[in-house]
C-alpha atoms as a PDB file:
ATOM      1  CA  MET A   1     -37.517 -41.427  74.126  1.00  0.00           C
ATOM      2  CA  ALA A   2     -37.002 -42.016  70.207  1.00  0.00           C
ATOM      3  CA  LYS A   3     -33.418 -41.196  68.687  1.00  0.00           C
ATOM      4  CA  LYS A   4     -33.835 -38.555  66.153  1.00  0.00           C
ATOM      5  CA  LYS A   5     -32.489 -39.414  62.924  1.00  0.00           C
ATOM      6  CA  LYS A   6     -29.294 -37.341  61.845  1.00  0.00           C
ATOM      7  CA  LYS A   7     -29.908 -35.481  58.817  1.00  0.00           C
ATOM      8  CA  VAL A   8     -27.649 -36.210  55.834  1.00  0.00           C
ATOM      9  CA  LEU A   9     -26.088 -32.846  54.542  1.00  0.00           C
ATOM     10  CA  CYS A  10     -25.499 -34.400  51.170  1.00  0.00           C
ATOM     11  CA  GLU A  11     -26.559 -37.288  49.089  1.00  0.00           C
ATOM     12  CA  GLU A  12     -24.468 -39.632  47.133  1.00  0.00           C
ATOM     13  CA  MET A  13     -22.997 -37.628  44.188  1.00  0.00           C
ATOM     14  CA  PRO A  14     -23.861 -39.263  40.674  1.00  0.00           C
ATOM     15  CA  PRO A  15     -20.976 -40.670  38.744  1.00  0.00           C
ATOM     16  CA  TRP A  16     -21.540 -38.449  35.848  1.00  0.00           C
ATOM     17  CA  LEU A  17     -20.892 -35.602  37.615  1.00  0.00           C
ATOM     18  CA  ILE A  18     -17.459 -36.487  38.919  1.00  0.00           C
ATOM     19  CA  THR A  19     -16.568 -36.929  35.476  1.00  0.00           C
ATOM     20  CA  PHE A  20     -18.083 -33.391  34.509  1.00  0.00           C
ATOM     21  CA  THR A  21     -15.835 -31.980  37.686  1.00  0.00           C
ATOM     22  CA  ASP A  22     -12.885 -33.623  36.492  1.00  0.00           C
ATOM     23  CA  CYS A  23     -13.093 -32.306  33.019  1.00  0.00           C
ATOM     24  CA  MET A  24     -13.744 -28.717  34.444  1.00  0.00           C
ATOM     25  CA  THR A  25     -11.290 -28.707  36.763  1.00  0.00           C
ATOM     26  CA  LEU A  26      -8.708 -30.049  33.776  1.00  0.00           C
ATOM     27  CA  MET A  27      -9.736 -26.818  31.285  1.00  0.00           C
ATOM     28  CA  LEU A  28      -9.330 -24.562  33.974  1.00  0.00           C
ATOM     29  CA  THR A  29      -6.068 -25.784  34.614  1.00  0.00           C
ATOM     30  CA  PHE A  30      -4.993 -25.369  30.856  1.00  0.00           C
ATOM     31  CA  PHE A  31      -6.425 -22.007  30.650  1.00  0.00           C
ATOM     32  CA  VAL A  32      -4.565 -20.682  33.651  1.00  0.00           C
ATOM     33  CA  LEU A  33      -1.300 -22.387  31.998  1.00  0.00           C
ATOM     34  CA  LEU A  34      -1.999 -20.597  28.662  1.00  0.00           C
ATOM     35  CA  VAL A  35      -2.291 -17.209  30.673  1.00  0.00           C
ATOM     36  CA  SER A  36       0.712 -18.063  32.979  1.00  0.00           C
ATOM     37  CA  MET A  37       2.577 -18.335  29.470  1.00  0.00           C
ATOM     38  CA  ALA A  38       1.450 -15.203  27.785  1.00  0.00           C
ATOM     39  CA  LYS A  39       3.717 -12.189  27.995  1.00  0.00           C
ATOM     40  CA  VAL A  40       1.989  -8.851  28.503  1.00  0.00           C
ATOM     41  CA  ASP A  41       3.383  -5.615  27.775  1.00  0.00           C
ATOM     42  CA  GLU A  42       2.449  -3.850  30.932  1.00  0.00           C
ATOM     43  CA  ARG A  43       3.268  -0.427  29.423  1.00  0.00           C
ATOM     44  CA  ARG A  44       1.272  -0.902  26.339  1.00  0.00           C
ATOM     45  CA  LYS A  45      -1.516  -2.166  28.522  1.00  0.00           C
ATOM     46  CA  LEU A  46      -1.523   1.006  30.803  1.00  0.00           C
ATOM     47  CA  ILE A  47      -1.429   3.223  27.545  1.00  0.00           C
ATOM     48  CA  VAL A  48      -4.600   1.563  26.027  1.00  0.00           C
ATOM     49  CA  LEU A  49      -6.207   1.444  29.374  1.00  0.00           C
ATOM     50  CA  GLY A  50      -5.285   5.022  29.895  1.00  0.00           C
ATOM     51  CA  SER A  51      -6.779   6.194  26.443  1.00  0.00           C
ATOM     52  CA  ILE A  52     -10.075   4.033  27.068  1.00  0.00           C
ATOM     53  CA  ILE A  53     -10.604   6.002  30.221  1.00  0.00           C
ATOM     54  CA  GLY A  54      -9.045   9.261  29.629  1.00  0.00           C
ATOM     55  CA  THR A  55     -11.715   9.262  26.419  1.00  0.00           C
ATOM     56  CA  PHE A  56     -14.717   8.480  27.907  1.00  0.00           C
ATOM     57  CA  GLY A  57     -14.058   9.478  31.523  1.00  0.00           C
ATOM     58  CA  TRP A  58     -14.425   7.745  34.781  1.00  0.00           C
ATOM     59  CA  HIS A  59     -15.195  10.888  37.132  1.00  0.00           C
ATOM     60  CA  ASP A  60     -11.797  12.258  38.445  1.00  0.00           C
ATOM     61  CA  LYS A  61      -9.871   8.840  38.449  1.00  0.00           C
ATOM     62  CA  SER A  62      -7.152   7.788  36.174  1.00  0.00           C
ATOM     63  CA  TYR A  63      -6.202   4.149  35.040  1.00  0.00           C
ATOM     64  CA  GLU A  64      -4.721   3.949  38.475  1.00  0.00           C
ATOM     65  CA  VAL A  65      -8.261   3.276  39.800  1.00  0.00           C
ATOM     66  CA  PHE A  66      -7.518   4.269  43.711  1.00  0.00           C
ATOM     67  CA  SER A  67      -5.914   7.301  42.979  1.00  0.00           C
ATOM     68  CA  ARG A  68      -7.836  11.024  43.063  1.00  0.00           C
ATOM     69  CA  LYS A  69      -5.132  12.471  40.836  1.00  0.00           C
ATOM     70  CA  ASP A  70      -5.702  13.394  37.327  1.00  0.00           C
ATOM     71  CA  THR A  71      -3.215  11.221  35.557  1.00  0.00           C
ATOM     72  CA  ARG A  72      -5.658  10.396  32.691  1.00  0.00           C
ATOM     73  CA  ARG A  73      -3.675   9.784  29.315  1.00  0.00           C
ATOM     74  CA  THR A  74      -5.479  10.064  25.826  1.00  0.00           C
ATOM     75  CA  VAL A  75      -3.081   8.650  23.197  1.00  0.00           C
ATOM     76  CA  GLU A  76      -3.987  10.464  19.649  1.00  0.00           C
ATOM     77  CA  PRO A  77      -3.589   8.508  16.755  1.00  0.00           C
ATOM     78  CA  GLY A  78      -0.699   9.921  14.915  1.00  0.00           C
ATOM     79  CA  PRO A  79       0.579   9.829  11.027  1.00  0.00           C
ATOM     80  CA  ILE A  80       2.035   6.507  10.282  1.00  0.00           C
ATOM     81  CA  ASP A  81       5.558   7.583   8.219  1.00  0.00           C
ATOM     82  CA  SER A  82       7.059   4.127   7.477  1.00  0.00           C
ATOM     83  CA  GLY A  83       8.817   5.331   4.560  1.00  0.00           C
ATOM     84  CA  ASP A  84       6.963   3.190   2.176  1.00  0.00           C
ATOM     85  CA  LEU A  85       3.873   2.506   0.489  1.00  0.00           C
ATOM     86  CA  GLU A  86       1.895   0.826   3.245  1.00  0.00           C
ATOM     87  CA  PRO A  87      -0.272   3.992   4.226  1.00  0.00           C
ATOM     88  CA  LEU A  88      -1.670   3.574   0.564  1.00  0.00           C
ATOM     89  CA  LYS A  89      -3.330   0.325   1.589  1.00  0.00           C
ATOM     90  CA  PRO A  90      -6.650   1.848   3.029  1.00  0.00           C
ATOM     91  CA  LEU A  91      -7.231   3.515  -0.452  1.00  0.00           C
ATOM     92  CA  MET A  92      -7.964  -0.269  -1.963  1.00  0.00           C
ATOM     93  CA  TRP A  93     -10.765  -0.657   0.587  1.00  0.00           C
ATOM     94  CA  GLU A  94     -12.639   2.751  -0.959  1.00  0.00           C
ATOM     95  CA  ASN A  95     -12.153   1.648  -4.580  1.00  0.00           C
ATOM     96  CA  ALA A  96     -14.815  -1.114  -5.292  1.00  0.00           C
ATOM     97  CA  GLU A  97     -14.157  -1.004  -9.210  1.00  0.00           C
ATOM     98  CA  ASP A  98     -10.250  -1.975  -9.023  1.00  0.00           C
ATOM     99  CA  ASP A  99      -9.215   1.232  -9.955  1.00  0.00           C
ATOM    100  CA  LEU A 100      -5.992   0.634  -7.703  1.00  0.00           C
ATOM    101  CA  ARG A 101      -4.164  -2.085  -6.773  1.00  0.00           C
ATOM    102  CA  PHE A 102      -1.604  -3.003  -4.358  1.00  0.00           C
ATOM    103  CA  GLU A 103       0.863  -5.887  -4.134  1.00  0.00           C
ATOM    104  CA  SER A 104       3.807  -6.290  -1.927  1.00  0.00           C
ATOM    105  CA  ASN A 105       6.263  -9.074  -0.848  1.00  0.00           C
ATOM    106  CA  ARG A 106       9.384  -8.120   1.728  1.00  0.00           C
ATOM    107  CA  PHE A 107      11.298  -5.978  -0.629  1.00  0.00           C
ATOM    108  CA  VAL A 108       9.013  -4.584  -3.432  1.00  0.00           C
ATOM    109  CA  GLN A 109       5.755  -2.784  -3.330  1.00  0.00           C
ATOM    110  CA  VAL A 110       3.617  -2.109  -6.213  1.00  0.00           C
ATOM    111  CA  LEU A 111       0.800   0.278  -6.197  1.00  0.00           C
ATOM    112  CA  SER A 112      -1.218  -0.082  -9.899  1.00  0.00           C
ATOM    113  CA  VAL A 113      -3.301   2.829 -11.007  1.00  0.00           C
ATOM    114  CA  ASN A 114      -5.648   1.814 -13.773  1.00  0.00           C
ATOM    115  CA  ALA A 115      -5.121   4.325 -16.874  1.00  0.00           C
ATOM    116  CA  ASP A 116      -8.307   4.860 -17.687  1.00  0.00           C
ATOM    117  CA  VAL A 117      -8.377   6.889 -14.012  1.00  0.00           C
ATOM    118  CA  LEU A 118      -5.082   9.026 -15.260  1.00  0.00           C
ATOM    119  CA  PHE A 119      -5.858   9.480 -18.826  1.00  0.00           C
ATOM    120  CA  ALA A 120      -8.463   9.557 -21.598  1.00  0.00           C
ATOM    121  CA  PRO A 121      -8.037   7.064 -24.439  1.00  0.00           C
ATOM    122  CA  ALA A 122      -5.003   7.415 -26.605  1.00  0.00           C
ATOM    123  CA  SER A 123      -4.062  10.237 -24.703  1.00  0.00           C
ATOM    124  CA  ALA A 124      -1.152  10.858 -22.496  1.00  0.00           C
ATOM    125  CA  THR A 125      -2.536  13.902 -20.785  1.00  0.00           C
ATOM    126  CA  LEU A 126      -3.650  13.552 -17.100  1.00  0.00           C
ATOM    127  CA  THR A 127      -7.531  14.086 -16.278  1.00  0.00           C
ATOM    128  CA  PRO A 128      -9.103  15.842 -13.393  1.00  0.00           C
ATOM    129  CA  ASP A 129      -9.713  12.726 -11.874  1.00  0.00           C
ATOM    130  CA  GLY A 130      -5.997  11.355 -12.464  1.00  0.00           C
ATOM    131  CA  VAL A 131      -4.894  14.541 -11.098  1.00  0.00           C
ATOM    132  CA  ALA A 132      -6.955  14.642  -7.798  1.00  0.00           C
ATOM    133  CA  LEU A 133      -6.127  10.894  -7.364  1.00  0.00           C
ATOM    134  CA  LEU A 134      -2.052  11.861  -7.516  1.00  0.00           C
ATOM    135  CA  ASP A 135      -2.717  14.837  -5.312  1.00  0.00           C
ATOM    136  CA  ARG A 136      -4.126  12.498  -3.067  1.00  0.00           C
ATOM    137  CA  ILE A 137      -1.305   9.829  -3.013  1.00  0.00           C
ATOM    138  CA  ALA A 138       1.293  12.269  -3.199  1.00  0.00           C
ATOM    139  CA  PRO A 139       2.258  12.898   0.489  1.00  0.00           C
ATOM    140  CA  VAL A 140       2.476   9.159   1.115  1.00  0.00           C
ATOM    141  CA  LEU A 141       4.825   9.111  -2.050  1.00  0.00           C
ATOM    142  CA  LEU A 142       6.788  12.464  -0.892  1.00  0.00           C
ATOM    143  CA  ARG A 143       7.968  10.408   2.450  1.00  0.00           C
ATOM    144  CA  ALA A 144       9.272   7.571   0.411  1.00  0.00           C
ATOM    145  CA  GLN A 145      12.867   6.728   1.543  1.00  0.00           C
ATOM    146  CA  TYR A 146      13.114   4.541  -1.413  1.00  0.00           C
ATOM    147  CA  PRO A 147      13.778   5.938  -5.130  1.00  0.00           C
ATOM    148  CA  LEU A 148      10.141   4.970  -6.693  1.00  0.00           C
ATOM    149  CA  LEU A 149      10.038   3.440 -10.529  1.00  0.00           C
ATOM    150  CA  ILE A 150       7.359   5.274 -12.177  1.00  0.00           C
ATOM    151  CA  ALA A 151       6.339   2.294 -14.875  1.00  0.00           C
ATOM    152  CA  GLY A 152       4.049   2.687 -17.767  1.00  0.00           C
ATOM    153  CA  HIS A 153       2.174  -0.190 -19.314  1.00  0.00           C
ATOM    154  CA  THR A 154      -0.468  -0.474 -22.518  1.00  0.00           C
ATOM    155  CA  SER A 155      -2.659  -3.143 -23.656  1.00  0.00           C
ATOM    156  CA  GLU A 156      -3.064  -3.867 -27.525  1.00  0.00           C
ATOM    157  CA  LEU A 157      -2.836  -1.213 -29.803  1.00  0.00           C
ATOM    158  CA  ARG A 158      -6.034  -1.393 -31.452  1.00  0.00           C
ATOM    159  CA  ASP A 159      -7.654  -1.053 -27.921  1.00  0.00           C
ATOM    160  CA  GLU A 160      -5.685   1.837 -26.727  1.00  0.00           C
ATOM    161  CA  LEU A 161      -6.404   3.810 -30.313  1.00  0.00           C
ATOM    162  CA  GLY A 162      -9.858   2.749 -30.750  1.00  0.00           C
ATOM    163  CA  LEU A 163     -11.251   4.462 -33.910  1.00  0.00           C
ATOM    164  CA  ASN A 164      -7.567   5.859 -34.556  1.00  0.00           C
ATOM    165  CA  TYR A 165      -6.158   2.808 -34.739  1.00  0.00           C
ATOM    166  CA  GLU A 166      -4.699   1.960 -38.418  1.00  0.00           C
ATOM    167  CA  PRO A 167      -3.434  -1.146 -40.412  1.00  0.00           C
ATOM    168  CA  GLY A 168       0.377  -0.998 -39.725  1.00  0.00           C
ATOM    169  CA  ASP A 169       0.335   0.863 -36.445  1.00  0.00           C
ATOM    170  CA  ASP A 170       1.606  -2.406 -34.883  1.00  0.00           C
ATOM    171  CA  GLU A 171       4.543  -2.782 -37.171  1.00  0.00           C
ATOM    172  CA  ARG A 172       5.650   0.962 -37.056  1.00  0.00           C
ATOM    173  CA  VAL A 173       9.284   1.849 -35.069  1.00  0.00           C
ATOM    174  CA  PRO A 174       9.303   2.674 -32.639  1.00  0.00           C
ATOM    175  CA  ASP A 175       6.656   0.813 -31.214  1.00  0.00           C
ATOM    176  CA  LEU A 176       3.480   2.798 -30.808  1.00  0.00           C
ATOM    177  CA  SER A 177       2.336   1.012 -27.538  1.00  0.00           C
ATOM    178  CA  TRP A 178       6.214   1.828 -26.178  1.00  0.00           C
ATOM    179  CA  LYS A 179       5.926   5.440 -26.754  1.00  0.00           C
ATOM    180  CA  LEU A 180       2.666   5.818 -25.134  1.00  0.00           C
ATOM    181  CA  SER A 181       3.314   4.314 -22.249  1.00  0.00           C
ATOM    182  CA  LEU A 182       6.641   6.174 -21.744  1.00  0.00           C
ATOM    183  CA  ASN A 183       4.605   9.296 -22.243  1.00  0.00           C
ATOM    184  CA  ARG A 184       1.892   8.395 -19.672  1.00  0.00           C
ATOM    185  CA  ALA A 185       4.606   7.626 -16.817  1.00  0.00           C
ATOM    186  CA  LEU A 186       6.578  10.818 -18.394  1.00  0.00           C
ATOM    187  CA  ALA A 187       3.327  12.558 -17.130  1.00  0.00           C
ATOM    188  CA  VAL A 188       3.068  11.053 -13.803  1.00  0.00           C
ATOM    189  CA  TYR A 189       6.538  11.956 -13.336  1.00  0.00           C
ATOM    190  CA  ARG A 190       6.238  15.496 -14.105  1.00  0.00           C
ATOM    191  CA  HIS A 191       3.333  15.759 -11.850  1.00  0.00           C
ATOM    192  CA  MET A 192       5.350  14.362  -9.114  1.00  0.00           C
ATOM    193  CA  LEU A 193       7.778  16.775  -9.751  1.00  0.00           C
ATOM    194  CA  ASP A 194       5.636  19.606  -9.284  1.00  0.00           C
ATOM    195  CA  ALA A 195       4.295  18.285  -6.177  1.00  0.00           C
ATOM    196  CA  GLY A 196       7.766  18.542  -4.786  1.00  0.00           C
ATOM    197  CA  MET A 197       9.431  14.959  -5.228  1.00  0.00           C
ATOM    198  CA  PRO A 198      13.153  15.254  -5.796  1.00  0.00           C
ATOM    199  CA  ALA A 199      14.050  14.382  -9.290  1.00  0.00           C
ATOM    200  CA  ASP A 200      16.752  11.650  -7.790  1.00  0.00           C
ATOM    201  CA  MET A 201      13.704  10.006  -6.256  1.00  0.00           C
ATOM    202  CA  LEU A 202      12.309   9.125  -9.434  1.00  0.00           C
ATOM    203  CA  ARG A 203      12.961   6.436 -12.004  1.00  0.00           C
ATOM    204  CA  LEU A 204      10.978   6.290 -15.308  1.00  0.00           C
ATOM    205  CA  GLU A 205      10.392   3.239 -17.834  1.00  0.00           C
ATOM    206  CA  GLY A 206       7.929   2.389 -20.452  1.00  0.00           C
ATOM    207  CA  PHE A 207       7.139  -1.236 -20.969  1.00  0.00           C
ATOM    208  CA  GLY A 208       4.275  -1.024 -23.685  1.00  0.00           C
ATOM    209  CA  LYS A 209       2.302  -3.634 -24.278  1.00  0.00           C
ATOM    210  CA  TYR A 210       5.114  -6.169 -23.410  1.00  0.00           C
ATOM    211  CA  LEU A 211       4.560  -6.871 -19.637  1.00  0.00           C
ATOM    212  CA  PRO A 212       0.701  -7.835 -19.410  1.00  0.00           C
ATOM    213  CA  LYS A 213      -0.649  -8.178 -16.217  1.00  0.00           C
ATOM    214  CA  ALA A 214      -3.248 -10.555 -17.706  1.00  0.00           C
ATOM    215  CA  PRO A 215      -3.741 -12.605 -20.833  1.00  0.00           C
ATOM    216  CA  GLN A 216      -5.205  -9.961 -23.276  1.00  0.00           C
ATOM    217  CA  THR A 217      -8.242 -11.988 -24.510  1.00  0.00           C
ATOM    218  CA  ASN A 218     -10.567 -10.237 -23.058  1.00  0.00           C
ATOM    219  CA  ALA A 219     -12.008  -6.800 -22.475  1.00  0.00           C
ATOM    220  CA  GLU A 220     -11.495  -6.914 -18.814  1.00  0.00           C
ATOM    221  CA  ASN A 221      -8.211  -8.248 -18.880  1.00  0.00           C
ATOM    222  CA  ARG A 222      -6.835  -5.736 -21.260  1.00  0.00           C
ATOM    223  CA  ARG A 223      -8.198  -2.893 -19.046  1.00  0.00           C
ATOM    224  CA  LEU A 224      -6.335  -4.398 -16.043  1.00  0.00           C
ATOM    225  CA  ASN A 225      -3.306  -4.053 -18.166  1.00  0.00           C
ATOM    226  CA  ARG A 226      -3.797  -0.573 -19.229  1.00  0.00           C
ATOM    227  CA  ARG A 227      -1.985   0.669 -16.250  1.00  0.00           C
ATOM    228  CA  VAL A 228       0.998   3.139 -14.363  1.00  0.00           C
ATOM    229  CA  ASP A 229       2.789   1.622 -11.842  1.00  0.00           C
ATOM    230  CA  ILE A 230       4.539   2.965  -8.640  1.00  0.00           C
ATOM    231  CA  VAL A 231       7.324   0.448  -7.809  1.00  0.00           C
ATOM    232  CA  LEU A 232       8.929   1.021  -4.299  1.00  0.00           C
ATOM    233  CA  ASP A 233      12.189  -1.817  -4.201  1.00  0.00           C
ATOM    234  CA  LYS A 234      14.034  -1.674  -0.734  1.00  0.00           C
ATOM    235  CA  ARG A 235      16.693  -2.724  -2.712  1.00  0.00           C
ATOM    236  CA  SER A 236      17.079   0.070  -5.058  1.00  0.00           C
ATOM    237  CA  LEU A 237      18.716   2.388  -2.726  1.00  0.00           C
ATOM    238  CA  ARG A 238      21.966   0.459  -2.711  1.00  0.00           C
ATOM    239  CA  MET A 239      21.525  -0.600  -6.557  1.00  0.00           C
ATOM    240  CA  GLY A 240      21.220   3.256  -7.638  1.00  0.00           C
ATOM    241  CA  GLN A 241      24.259   4.578  -5.451  1.00  0.00           C
ATOM    242  CA  GLU A 242      26.415   1.657  -7.372  1.00  0.00           C
ATOM    243  CA  VAL A 243      24.906   2.831 -10.859  1.00  0.00           C
ATOM    244  CA  ARG A 244      25.677   6.558 -10.096  1.00  0.00           C
ATOM    245  CA  GLU A 245      29.197   5.902  -9.387  1.00  0.00           C
ATOM    246  CA  LEU A 246      29.521   3.584 -12.621  1.00  0.00           C
ATOM    247  CA  ALA A 247      27.861   5.735 -15.188  1.00  0.00           C
ATOM    248  CA  PRO A 248      29.701   8.063 -16.834  1.00  0.00           C
ATOM    249  CA  ASP A 249      28.714  11.778 -16.771  1.00  0.00           C
ATOM    250  CA  ARG A 250      26.094  13.340 -19.166  1.00  0.00           C
ATOM    251  CA  VAL A 251      25.010  17.009 -19.617  1.00  0.00           C
ATOM    252  CA  PRO A 252      22.032  18.033 -21.274  1.00  0.00           C
ATOM    253  CA  ALA A 253      22.584  19.829 -24.694  1.00  0.00           C
ATOM    254  CA  ASP A 254      22.463  23.357 -25.229  1.00  0.00           C
ATOM    255  CA  ASP A 255      19.101  22.989 -27.388  1.00  0.00           C
ATOM    256  CA  GLY A 256      17.463  21.490 -24.338  1.00  0.00           C
ATOM    257  CA  THR A 257      17.714  17.698 -25.633  1.00  0.00           C
ATOM    258  CA  PHE A 258      19.249  14.606 -23.894  1.00  0.00           C
ATOM    259  CA  ASP A 259      20.865  11.681 -25.443  1.00  0.00           C
ATOM    260  CA  VAL A 260      20.868   8.609 -24.032  1.00  0.00           C
ATOM    261  CA  ASP A 261      22.838   5.993 -25.888  1.00  0.00           C
ATOM    262  CA  GLY A 262      21.407   7.313 -29.268  1.00  0.00           C
ATOM    263  CA  PHE A 263      17.760   8.076 -28.067  1.00  0.00           C
ATOM    264  CA  ILE A 264      17.373  11.665 -28.012  1.00  0.00           C
ATOM    265  CA  PHE A 265      14.669  13.115 -25.458  1.00  0.00           C
ATOM    266  CA  ASP A 266      13.566  16.622 -25.736  1.00  0.00           C
ATOM    267  CA  LEU A 267      12.779  18.116 -22.446  1.00  0.00           C
ATOM    268  CA  ASN A 268      11.347  20.980 -23.962  1.00  0.00           C
ATOM    269  CA  ARG A 269       8.648  19.569 -25.763  1.00  0.00           C
ATOM    270  CA  PRO A 270       5.337  18.079 -23.652  1.00  0.00           C
ATOM    271  CA  GLY A 271       4.991  14.193 -24.041  1.00  0.00           C
ATOM    272  CA  GLY A 272       9.190  13.953 -24.495  1.00  0.00           C
END
């Protein structure tokens, strides 16, 4: 009787498959090493998983999938109270026309509001849209843990005054652009006081046309320069305390005016 041939269970492996298998093994080892080096915060992972299961539901189970006890947790997002201007960043996404700008570094945050949103041309009176915008950002400003500087800026006087511009306005003393920027900053300052902001948390300054954000070469640049900046400087709290300790006490006069180094401010008249 002829001997039956023994079946060959596997044929000879092609050389390319050996190389491919080695590469796959090395890649698997590499990714396992990466996972082993990653540090996972178990508490955060459980909270996130509990939120997902608690929101969408998975029968009567919790994130402990082998438990029948209802221990689901739904983590609701709460208000972000960082004490600075960071919560205002989402407003930038909603203003496609660049009416708001936000810039920041380690110490300073600047929210720039275009003056055309807040005021009519050549005016220092807040428009309804300007009041609505300030009311919208007021809750964040009220939670600020550092004093805020409200800084007014203008563009060239001919742009600001329009048809009201007259030859010689640029030579007037005090400079009209400085006065306009100060009155605009003062309007925002008063609105924030009415919203409940403590007076000692606010500073006021007018720069006129002398600190432009962009060269005054075209209408768009000049529009960018017409602005009110709300500046939060995390270094200003300590500096403010030092200034208050060194500054002499100043008391308003009986007629409601305030004398600061020869500059008379009338606290009773709108616009200063």
